[in-house]
PDB file of N, CA and C in Angstrom:
ATOM      1  N   PRO A   1       0.829  -1.214   0.000  1.00  0.00           N
ATOM      2  CA  PRO A   1       0.000   0.000   0.000  1.00  0.00           C
ATOM      3  C   PRO A   1       0.862   1.263   0.000  1.00  0.00           C
ATOM      4  N   THR A   2       0.365   2.300  -0.570  1.00  0.00           N
ATOM      5  CA  THR A   2       1.113   3.552  -0.597  1.00  0.00           C
ATOM      6  C   THR A   2       0.998   4.253   0.748  1.00  0.00           C
ATOM      7  N   GLY A   3       1.852   5.223   0.979  1.00  0.00           N
ATOM      8  CA  GLY A   3       1.829   5.969   2.227  1.00  0.00           C
ATOM      9  C   GLY A   3       0.502   6.672   2.430  1.00  0.00           C
ATOM     10  N   LYS A   4      -0.085   7.126   1.330  1.00  0.00           N
ATOM     11  CA  LYS A   4      -1.353   7.846   1.405  1.00  0.00           C
ATOM     12  C   LYS A   4      -2.466   6.922   1.892  1.00  0.00           C
ATOM     13  N   GLU A   5      -2.498   5.724   1.335  1.00  0.00           N
ATOM     14  CA  GLU A   5      -3.499   4.737   1.735  1.00  0.00           C
ATOM     15  C   GLU A   5      -3.315   4.339   3.194  1.00  0.00           C
ATOM     16  N   LEU A   6      -2.059   4.175   3.579  1.00  0.00           N
ATOM     17  CA  LEU A   6      -1.729   3.801   4.948  1.00  0.00           C
ATOM     18  C   LEU A   6      -2.200   4.880   5.915  1.00  0.00           C
ATOM     19  N   ASN A   7      -1.924   6.121   5.560  1.00  0.00           N
ATOM     20  CA  ASN A   7      -2.315   7.246   6.398  1.00  0.00           C
ATOM     21  C   ASN A   7      -3.835   7.341   6.513  1.00  0.00           C
ATOM     22  N   PHE A   8      -4.523   7.086   5.402  1.00  0.00           N
ATOM     23  CA  PHE A   8      -5.978   7.113   5.381  1.00  0.00           C
ATOM     24  C   PHE A   8      -6.551   6.061   6.327  1.00  0.00           C
ATOM     25  N   THR A   9      -5.963   4.860   6.289  1.00  0.00           N
ATOM     26  CA  THR A   9      -6.401   3.768   7.153  1.00  0.00           C
ATOM     27  C   THR A   9      -6.187   4.110   8.619  1.00  0.00           C
ATOM     28  N   VAL A  10      -5.035   4.702   8.910  1.00  0.00           N
ATOM     29  CA  VAL A  10      -4.732   5.108  10.283  1.00  0.00           C
ATOM     30  C   VAL A  10      -5.750   6.133  10.770  1.00  0.00           C
ATOM     31  N   GLN A  11      -6.100   7.067   9.903  1.00  0.00           N
ATOM     32  CA  GLN A  11      -7.087   8.085  10.253  1.00  0.00           C
ATOM     33  C   GLN A  11      -8.444   7.444  10.549  1.00  0.00           C
ATOM     34  N   LEU A  12      -8.822   6.463   9.728  1.00  0.00           N
ATOM     35  CA  LEU A  12     -10.084   5.767   9.924  1.00  0.00           C
ATOM     36  C   LEU A  12     -10.131   5.079  11.280  1.00  0.00           C
ATOM     37  N   PHE A  13      -9.072   4.327  11.576  1.00  0.00           N
ATOM     38  CA  PHE A  13      -9.019   3.621  12.846  1.00  0.00           C
ATOM     39  C   PHE A  13      -8.967   4.587  14.022  1.00  0.00           C
ATOM     40  N   SER A  14      -8.279   5.690  13.827  1.00  0.00           N
ATOM     41  CA  SER A  14      -8.181   6.707  14.865  1.00  0.00           C
ATOM     42  C   SER A  14      -9.560   7.292  15.171  1.00  0.00           C
ATOM     43  N   ASN A  15     -10.318   7.583  14.117  1.00  0.00           N
ATOM     44  CA  ASN A  15     -11.666   8.116  14.298  1.00  0.00           C
ATOM     45  C   ASN A  15     -12.571   7.094  14.972  1.00  0.00           C
ATOM     46  N   LEU A  16     -12.446   5.828  14.555  1.00  0.00           N
ATOM     47  CA  LEU A  16     -13.239   4.756  15.131  1.00  0.00           C
ATOM     48  C   LEU A  16     -12.930   4.604  16.616  1.00  0.00           C
ATOM     49  N   TYR A  17     -11.654   4.597  16.943  1.00  0.00           N
ATOM     50  CA  TYR A  17     -11.205   4.483  18.333  1.00  0.00           C
ATOM     51  C   TYR A  17     -11.727   5.644  19.164  1.00  0.00           C
ATOM     52  N   ASN A  18     -11.694   6.820  18.573  1.00  0.00           N
ATOM     53  CA  ASN A  18     -12.172   8.018  19.249  1.00  0.00           C
ATOM     54  C   ASN A  18     -13.670   7.922  19.521  1.00  0.00           C
ATOM     55  N   ASP A  19     -14.427   7.421  18.542  1.00  0.00           N
ATOM     56  CA  ASP A  19     -15.869   7.280  18.708  1.00  0.00           C
ATOM     57  C   ASP A  19     -16.199   6.286  19.815  1.00  0.00           C
ATOM     58  N   ILE A  20     -15.469   5.192  19.870  1.00  0.00           N
ATOM     59  CA  ILE A  20     -15.752   4.131  20.831  1.00  0.00           C
ATOM     60  C   ILE A  20     -15.322   4.507  22.245  1.00  0.00           C
ATOM     61  N   THR A  21     -14.133   5.030  22.386  1.00  0.00           N
ATOM     62  CA  THR A  21     -13.566   5.251  23.713  1.00  0.00           C
ATOM     63  C   THR A  21     -13.671   6.696  24.183  1.00  0.00           C
ATOM     64  N   GLY A  22     -13.864   7.620  23.239  1.00  0.00           N
ATOM     65  CA  GLY A  22     -13.892   9.023  23.604  1.00  0.00           C
ATOM     66  C   GLY A  22     -12.493   9.581  23.797  1.00  0.00           C
ATOM     67  N   LYS A  23     -11.488   8.762  23.494  1.00  0.00           N
ATOM     68  CA  LYS A  23     -10.102   9.215  23.604  1.00  0.00           C
ATOM     69  C   LYS A  23      -9.526   9.396  22.211  1.00  0.00           C
ATOM     70  N   THR A  24      -8.513  10.225  22.112  1.00  0.00           N
ATOM     71  CA  THR A  24      -7.849  10.400  20.833  1.00  0.00           C
ATOM     72  C   THR A  24      -6.506   9.693  20.844  1.00  0.00           C
ATOM     73  N   LEU A  25      -6.208   9.002  19.762  1.00  0.00           N
ATOM     74  CA  LEU A  25      -4.902   8.380  19.624  1.00  0.00           C
ATOM     75  C   LEU A  25      -3.899   9.445  19.222  1.00  0.00           C
ATOM     76  N   PRO A  26      -2.670   9.319  19.672  1.00  0.00           N
ATOM     77  CA  PRO A  26      -1.635  10.237  19.196  1.00  0.00           C
ATOM     78  C   PRO A  26      -1.478  10.110  17.689  1.00  0.00           C
ATOM     79  N   THR A  27      -1.296  11.210  17.015  1.00  0.00           N
ATOM     80  CA  THR A  27      -1.177  11.196  15.564  1.00  0.00           C
ATOM     81  C   THR A  27       0.135  10.550  15.148  1.00  0.00           C
ATOM     82  N   VAL A  28       0.043   9.657  14.171  1.00  0.00           N
ATOM     83  CA  VAL A  28       1.250   8.988  13.683  1.00  0.00           C
ATOM     84  C   VAL A  28       1.581   9.522  12.301  1.00  0.00           C
ATOM     85  N   ASN A  29       2.786  10.008  12.140  1.00  0.00           N
ATOM     86  CA  ASN A  29       3.232  10.501  10.835  1.00  0.00           C
ATOM     87  C   ASN A  29       4.203   9.518  10.211  1.00  0.00           C
ATOM     88  N   PHE A  30       3.904   9.095   9.000  1.00  0.00           N
ATOM     89  CA  PHE A  30       4.767   8.118   8.337  1.00  0.00           C
ATOM     90  C   PHE A  30       5.808   8.809   7.480  1.00  0.00           C
TER      91      PHE A  30
END
């Protein structure tokens, strides 16, 4: 996968995690 796709996936999971737990994951920069 390209870096862009990877970053998009991370954002998706981050948003999902935030919705479920109410916490924000630290941003990961590739």
